[in-house]
Amino acid sequence: MEFKEKVVIVTGAARGIGATTAWAFAKRGATSIIVDINGEGAEKIAANIRAEELNAIAFTVDVSKKLQVDVMVEEVFNKFGRIDVLVNNAYVSGGYTIVTETSQETWDKVIAVNLTGAFNFAQAVAKKMIPQKSGKIINISSGAGINGSLSSGVQYPASKAGMIGLTKGLAGDLAPFGINVNCITPGLIRTWEPEEMAEQATGWTLEKVERYIEVEVPLKRVGEPEDIAETIVFLASDAASYIVGEVINVDGGGMLDSVAKRESLLGF
């Protein structure tokens, strides 16, 4: 699958799934537009890609701010004359608190970044894709958006469920213009280093990850960012030209059981 002369925007691309996805497209000939609120991190990824004589540009953008998104998309379009792929990957979790203790600030921030941010980019990019009569939008949701989660509060599952609904709405709107919109729900993906695990405020520890894999992942391994990136590349390719409005679980089979059940077993 080649993407020569294609322009691909990836949000939340300063690390993890987003960074790996930007690399995957660049290696296949695309110009990767790396977007993150962490401008320094985004530029580092872009510089590393360019050091391999591949194409990448970094932008510092708060996806929840419509004006910032619109200005960036306009700049990219003016420079390249096209936008071929959008990957809506940027997110925050907000950590865990029971609903009675969840602050309005936490709720608003998570919804603004995870859901409104995806809408902002999809709307801006669709305005460029519709005249082209082509384009691919891939939204990154989560298993929590389907089955909920006992470790992510109420705001994160709500935002990720909204991402699935957004995908369905966009797919119906944009398919008549030759634009494919689909969604991926990752399982537990290694976007951290082992030494970082204990510092995370999500409830996950190395011991719980090992137990999760042993009991609840039929493939018996944690997911890697490449597992998601390669699925994104497929959905953005001509091979997926007849796939519209789908939600694809990439979780090693973990969704064969309920998130609530397995997290309860893990002691969350």
Protein backbone atom coordinates (compact mmCIF):
# COMPACT_ATOMS: atom_id res chain seq x y z
CA MET A 1 0.00 0.00 0.00
CA GLU A 2 1.66 3.18 -1.23
CA PHE A 3 0.70 6.79 -0.46
CA LYS A 4 3.09 8.70 -2.70
CA GLU A 5 2.11 12.38 -2.97
CA LYS A 6 -0.70 11.87 -0.45
CA VAL A 7 -1.15 14.29 2.45
CA VAL A 8 -2.05 12.71 5.79
CA ILE A 9 -3.01 14.60 8.96
CA VAL A 10 -2.54 12.71 12.23
CA THR A 11 -3.65 14.35 15.48
CA GLY A 12 -2.15 13.47 18.84
CA ALA A 13 0.98 12.43 16.97
CA ALA A 14 3.78 13.49 19.34
CA ARG A 15 4.03 9.95 20.70
CA GLY A 16 2.38 6.54 20.88
CA ILE A 17 -0.16 5.47 18.28
CA GLY A 18 -0.16 8.86 16.57
CA ALA A 19 3.61 9.02 16.13
CA THR A 20 3.77 5.42 14.91
CA THR A 21 0.98 6.14 12.43
CA ALA A 22 2.78 9.22 11.10
CA TRP A 23 5.89 7.10 10.55
CA ALA A 24 3.86 4.36 8.82
CA PHE A 25 2.43 6.78 6.28
CA ALA A 26 5.74 8.59 5.71
CA LYS A 27 7.50 5.30 4.99
CA ARG A 28 4.90 4.65 2.30
CA GLY A 29 5.55 7.95 0.54
CA ALA A 30 3.03 10.27 2.17
CA THR A 31 3.64 13.66 3.70
CA SER A 32 2.75 13.22 7.35
CA ILE A 33 1.25 16.27 9.04
CA ILE A 34 1.98 15.78 12.72
CA VAL A 35 -0.44 17.62 14.99
CA ASP A 36 -0.21 17.85 18.77
CA ILE A 37 -0.70 20.35 21.57
CA ASN A 38 2.83 19.33 22.54
CA GLY A 39 4.58 21.27 19.80
CA GLU A 40 8.08 20.28 20.89
CA GLY A 41 7.18 16.61 20.81
CA ALA A 42 5.49 16.95 17.42
CA GLU A 43 8.49 18.70 15.92
CA LYS A 44 10.82 16.01 17.28
CA ILE A 45 8.83 13.29 15.51
CA ALA A 46 8.74 15.33 12.30
CA ALA A 47 12.49 15.97 12.47
CA ASN A 48 13.19 12.27 12.98
CA ILE A 49 11.06 11.41 9.96
CA ARG A 50 12.78 14.05 7.82
CA ALA A 51 16.17 12.72 8.94
CA GLU A 52 15.26 9.52 7.06
CA GLU A 53 14.64 11.64 3.93
CA LEU A 54 10.90 11.24 4.32
CA ASN A 55 8.27 13.98 4.43
CA ALA A 56 6.76 15.42 7.59
CA ILE A 57 5.65 18.76 9.01
CA ALA A 58 4.67 19.51 12.61
CA PHE A 59 1.96 21.84 13.88
CA THR A 60 1.16 22.89 17.44
CA VAL A 61 -2.63 22.80 17.71
CA ASP A 62 -5.18 22.50 20.50
CA VAL A 63 -7.75 20.37 18.69
CA SER A 64 -10.54 21.68 20.89
CA LYS A 65 -10.02 25.20 19.50
CA LYS A 66 -11.90 25.49 16.20
CA LEU A 67 -10.00 28.55 14.97
CA GLN A 68 -6.62 26.86 15.47
CA VAL A 69 -7.85 23.80 13.57
CA ASP A 70 -9.31 25.82 10.69
CA VAL A 71 -6.15 27.92 10.30
CA MET A 72 -3.91 24.84 10.29
CA VAL A 73 -6.03 22.92 7.78
CA GLU A 74 -6.12 25.96 5.50
CA GLU A 75 -2.35 26.30 5.69
CA VAL A 76 -1.83 22.63 4.84
CA PHE A 77 -4.26 22.81 1.93
CA ASN A 78 -2.70 25.99 0.55
CA LYS A 79 0.74 24.38 0.67
CA PHE A 80 -0.11 21.02 -0.86
CA GLY A 81 -3.37 21.59 -2.70
CA ARG A 82 -4.98 18.49 -1.21
CA ILE A 83 -5.71 16.56 1.98
CA ASP A 84 -6.14 12.83 1.53
CA VAL A 85 -6.34 11.30 5.01
CA LEU A 86 -7.32 12.47 8.48
CA VAL A 87 -6.59 10.36 11.55
CA ASN A 88 -8.44 11.69 14.61
CA ASN A 89 -6.27 10.27 17.38
CA ALA A 90 -5.84 13.11 19.91
CA TYR A 91 -7.33 12.37 23.33
CA VAL A 92 -7.12 12.87 27.08
CA SER A 93 -8.55 10.51 29.70
CA GLY A 94 -9.22 12.75 32.70
CA GLY A 95 -8.30 9.97 35.12
CA TYR A 96 -10.70 8.10 37.37
CA THR A 97 -13.16 9.49 39.87
CA ILE A 98 -16.64 8.25 40.67
CA VAL A 99 -19.31 10.28 38.87
CA THR A 100 -20.35 12.11 42.05
CA GLU A 101 -16.83 13.50 42.34
CA THR A 102 -16.15 14.17 38.66
CA SER A 103 -15.60 17.88 38.16
CA GLN A 104 -17.27 19.91 35.45
CA GLU A 105 -13.78 20.94 34.35
CA THR A 106 -12.72 17.32 33.80
CA TRP A 107 -15.90 16.48 31.90
CA ASP A 108 -15.66 19.57 29.69
CA LYS A 109 -11.98 19.05 28.88
CA VAL A 110 -12.32 15.39 27.90
CA ILE A 111 -15.37 16.00 25.73
CA ALA A 112 -13.73 19.07 24.17
CA VAL A 113 -10.53 17.26 23.20
CA ASN A 114 -11.78 13.77 22.41
CA LEU A 115 -15.07 14.53 20.69
CA THR A 116 -15.28 18.20 19.78
CA GLY A 117 -11.67 18.08 18.60
CA ALA A 118 -12.46 15.22 16.24
CA PHE A 119 -15.51 17.09 14.96
CA ASN A 120 -13.47 20.26 14.41
CA PHE A 121 -10.91 18.45 12.28
CA ALA A 122 -13.46 16.35 10.39
CA GLN A 123 -15.49 19.44 9.51
CA ALA A 124 -12.47 21.43 8.35
CA VAL A 125 -11.01 18.58 6.34
CA ALA A 126 -14.36 17.58 4.80
CA LYS A 127 -14.58 21.04 3.24
CA LYS A 128 -11.38 20.21 1.33
CA MET A 129 -12.20 16.58 0.57
CA ILE A 130 -15.69 17.15 -0.84
CA PRO A 131 -14.47 19.08 -3.92
CA GLN A 132 -11.79 16.39 -4.42
CA LYS A 133 -14.51 13.73 -4.28
CA SER A 134 -12.10 11.58 -2.32
CA GLY A 135 -10.65 11.18 1.15
CA LYS A 136 -10.37 8.93 4.16
CA ILE A 137 -11.18 9.79 7.79
CA ILE A 138 -10.25 7.32 10.51
CA ASN A 139 -11.45 8.02 14.06
CA ILE A 140 -9.78 6.36 17.04
CA SER A 141 -12.30 5.38 19.70
CA SER A 142 -11.83 2.74 22.43
CA GLY A 143 -13.36 -0.43 23.75
CA ALA A 144 -14.50 1.80 26.61
CA GLY A 145 -16.80 3.52 24.14
CA ILE A 146 -18.65 0.23 23.62
CA ASN A 147 -18.59 -1.55 26.96
CA GLY A 148 -17.70 1.23 29.35
CA SER A 149 -14.83 1.15 31.81
CA LEU A 150 -14.38 0.92 35.56
CA SER A 151 -10.99 2.64 35.45
CA SER A 152 -11.65 5.72 33.29
CA GLY A 153 -14.48 7.58 34.99
CA VAL A 154 -17.61 8.51 33.06
CA GLN A 155 -16.11 11.18 30.82
CA TYR A 156 -13.75 8.97 28.81
CA PRO A 157 -16.25 6.23 27.81
CA ALA A 158 -18.81 8.94 27.00
CA SER A 159 -16.37 10.73 24.71
CA LYS A 160 -15.33 7.51 22.98
CA ALA A 161 -18.92 6.37 22.51
CA GLY A 162 -19.51 9.78 20.98
CA MET A 163 -16.63 9.13 18.59
CA ILE A 164 -18.41 6.05 17.31
CA GLY A 165 -21.61 8.06 16.81
CA LEU A 166 -19.62 10.80 15.10
CA THR A 167 -18.15 8.19 12.76
CA LYS A 168 -21.60 6.95 11.77
CA GLY A 169 -22.89 10.46 11.19
CA LEU A 170 -19.86 11.52 9.14
CA ALA A 171 -19.96 8.31 7.13
CA GLY A 172 -23.53 8.93 6.04
CA ASP A 173 -22.85 12.57 5.20
CA LEU A 174 -19.63 12.09 3.29
CA ALA A 175 -19.92 8.74 1.49
CA PRO A 176 -21.84 10.31 -1.44
CA PHE A 177 -18.74 12.44 -2.06
CA GLY A 178 -16.39 9.46 -2.23
CA ILE A 179 -15.10 9.94 1.33
CA ASN A 180 -14.75 6.87 3.54
CA VAL A 181 -15.16 7.35 7.29
CA ASN A 182 -14.41 4.48 9.68
CA CYS A 183 -13.47 3.92 13.31
CA ILE A 184 -10.99 1.79 15.24
CA THR A 185 -11.44 0.70 18.87
CA PRO A 186 -8.03 -0.27 20.28
CA GLY A 187 -7.62 -2.51 23.27
CA LEU A 188 -4.77 -2.11 25.74
CA ILE A 189 -1.89 -0.74 23.68
CA ARG A 190 1.70 -0.27 24.83
CA THR A 191 2.00 3.51 24.51
CA TRP A 192 4.16 3.64 27.64
CA GLU A 193 7.51 2.31 28.78
CA PRO A 194 7.50 -0.26 31.62
CA GLU A 195 9.04 2.19 34.05
CA GLU A 196 6.24 4.67 33.34
CA MET A 197 3.48 2.25 34.25
CA ALA A 198 3.64 2.78 38.01
CA GLU A 199 3.41 6.53 37.52
CA GLN A 200 0.16 6.40 35.57
CA ALA A 201 -3.00 7.52 37.32
CA THR A 202 -5.26 5.08 35.47
CA GLY A 203 -5.15 2.20 37.93
CA TRP A 204 -3.03 0.05 35.61
CA THR A 205 0.11 -1.51 37.06
CA LEU A 206 2.53 -3.96 35.46
CA GLU A 207 1.01 -6.73 37.55
CA LYS A 208 -2.50 -5.89 36.35
CA VAL A 209 -1.33 -5.74 32.75
CA GLU A 210 0.19 -9.21 33.07
CA ARG A 211 -3.03 -10.52 34.64
CA TYR A 212 -5.13 -8.86 31.94
CA ILE A 213 -3.09 -10.54 29.21
CA GLU A 214 -3.16 -13.92 30.93
CA VAL A 215 -6.90 -13.99 31.55
CA GLU A 216 -8.58 -11.77 29.01
CA VAL A 217 -6.55 -11.45 25.79
CA PRO A 218 -6.83 -14.56 23.61
CA LEU A 219 -3.71 -13.58 21.66
CA LYS A 220 -1.79 -13.48 24.96
CA ARG A 221 0.06 -10.22 24.37
CA VAL A 222 -0.43 -6.53 24.88
CA GLY A 223 -1.05 -4.55 21.72
CA GLU A 224 1.65 -2.45 20.09
CA PRO A 225 1.17 0.94 18.42
CA GLU A 226 2.05 -0.75 15.12
CA ASP A 227 -1.03 -2.95 15.43
CA ILE A 228 -3.22 0.14 15.31
CA ALA A 229 -1.10 2.03 12.79
CA GLU A 230 -1.21 -0.78 10.25
CA THR A 231 -4.99 -1.02 10.57
CA ILE A 232 -5.23 2.72 10.00
CA VAL A 233 -3.04 2.42 6.91
CA PHE A 234 -5.29 -0.32 5.57
CA LEU A 235 -8.44 1.75 6.11
CA ALA A 236 -6.78 4.70 4.36
CA SER A 237 -5.78 2.58 1.36
CA ASP A 238 -7.60 1.72 -1.86
CA ALA A 239 -7.97 -1.82 -0.49
CA ALA A 240 -10.61 -0.47 1.91
CA SER A 241 -12.46 1.63 -0.67
CA TYR A 242 -15.81 -0.14 -0.04
CA ILE A 243 -15.65 0.02 3.77
CA VAL A 244 -17.79 2.82 5.20
CA GLY A 245 -19.05 3.55 8.72
CA GLU A 246 -17.46 0.49 10.31
CA VAL A 247 -16.12 0.10 13.85
CA ILE A 248 -13.15 -2.28 13.94
CA ASN A 249 -11.92 -3.74 17.23
CA VAL A 250 -8.13 -4.13 17.34
CA ASP A 251 -7.64 -5.68 20.75
CA GLY A 252 -6.28 -9.20 20.46
CA GLY A 253 -9.75 -10.60 21.04
CA GLY A 254 -10.27 -8.78 24.33
CA MET A 255 -13.75 -7.59 23.33
CA LEU A 256 -14.93 -11.18 23.27
CA ASP A 257 -15.69 -10.51 26.94
CA SER A 258 -16.99 -7.36 28.59
CA VAL A 259 -14.63 -4.63 29.72
CA ALA A 260 -16.59 -4.26 32.95
CA LYS A 261 -16.17 -7.94 33.80
CA ARG A 262 -12.46 -8.15 33.13
CA GLU A 263 -11.65 -4.90 34.90
CA SER A 264 -13.66 -6.07 37.90
CA LEU A 265 -11.62 -9.28 37.94
CA LEU A 266 -8.46 -7.19 37.86
CA GLY A 267 -9.53 -5.37 40.99
CA PHE A 268 -10.32 -1.89 39.67
